[in-house]
Every structure is written in C-alpha cells, then in structure tokens.
Amino acid sequence: MISEQLHVYHSYDDPAWEDDVRQICASLLKEEGAVNMALHHLMAHFGYISEPALVLVAELMHLTAPQVFAIATFYHEFRLEKPSDTVLMLCRGPACRVDGMVALRKSMERLLGITVGERTADNKFAIESSGCLGICPHAPAMLIDQKLAGRVTTSKLEALIAERLGQ
C-alpha cells in the first residue's frame, strides 16, 4: 500500500536548529560511534545534514570539520543537500526486477521527465535506487519518503505522482 502522508522534517531555517543539533550531540557524546549516530539522528530530524550542522557536530564531538565530512560522505545514506519533497527509492533487487520494477521505473521517468539519480527542477520529486530493500515477498517494492511500499503497481504509482503534482 502506498502512504499518502508526507514525512515532515524540522527545518534548518528555524533559528532553534543549533539547539536541536547540540541536544542530539550531547545525548550521544559518550556513546561508541557517536558521530555516526549523531549524523543518523540529524538525517531523521532534518532530512539531510547542512554544512553548518556538520561543522557544529565536528565542534561538539571534538573533531575537525573535514573528519566529519569524510564520515558523512563515506556512507550512502547521509545526504548533504535538502531532499526533494517526494523521494522515490526503487529497489533493484532480483525479485523486484522480475516482478515489474523496470516498468515502474520507466513510468516514473516518463511522468516526471527525470531518470534515476535526478530530481525535478522544482525539487518536488527525486528518483533514487537501492540494491535491495529486503521485502522480496512484496515485490516490486520501493521507499516513498522513507516509507516502505510493496506490491506497487504502475497505476498506484501514477496516482500518487498525479496527486502530489496536484493534477
């Protein structure tokens, strides 16, 4: 089933963002892997890691900004740019490919005018891909704004896109 609810992130535009980052880092400072954990928390809280937040994490964790940047760019799941309003993450696993993901990808690309790895000019949509989402019995599967969707059909996907485009 495809969820119609968008995930709402906190904003770096809010003047209190620094307090949020300080609180996240303070709660993790003594933990093993504190930097990675802090970056994951920032992703969950803001949807991406801004450059000022990365610099603040470095300061709070007693590291240099390049050290934290190296960690943030090493792991694929960390974003350093604001995500699109709707992120469609396709599963490239064998079960999903066999069960129709290629047709879904082509439909998405046609409707949005972008390919995997791109975002629309208005930043409303991005298409990304993952090696495997691990829910093979529910193929074809994808993540829609970090929410799992299984047994996705072209018509369900087209309806979701049309709805989010306001058509």
Foldseek 3Di string as FASTA:
>chain_A
DDDLDFDDADAPVPPCVLVVLLVQLVVQLPPVVSLVSSQVVCCNHHVAAELVSLCSSCVSNVHHSVVSVCVQVVDPVHHHDHAARKEKEWEPEPLQVVVQSVVLQVLVCVVQVDHEPDAHPVSNYHYHYDPHPPPSVQYPWIAINNHIDGVDDNVNVVVSVCVSVVD
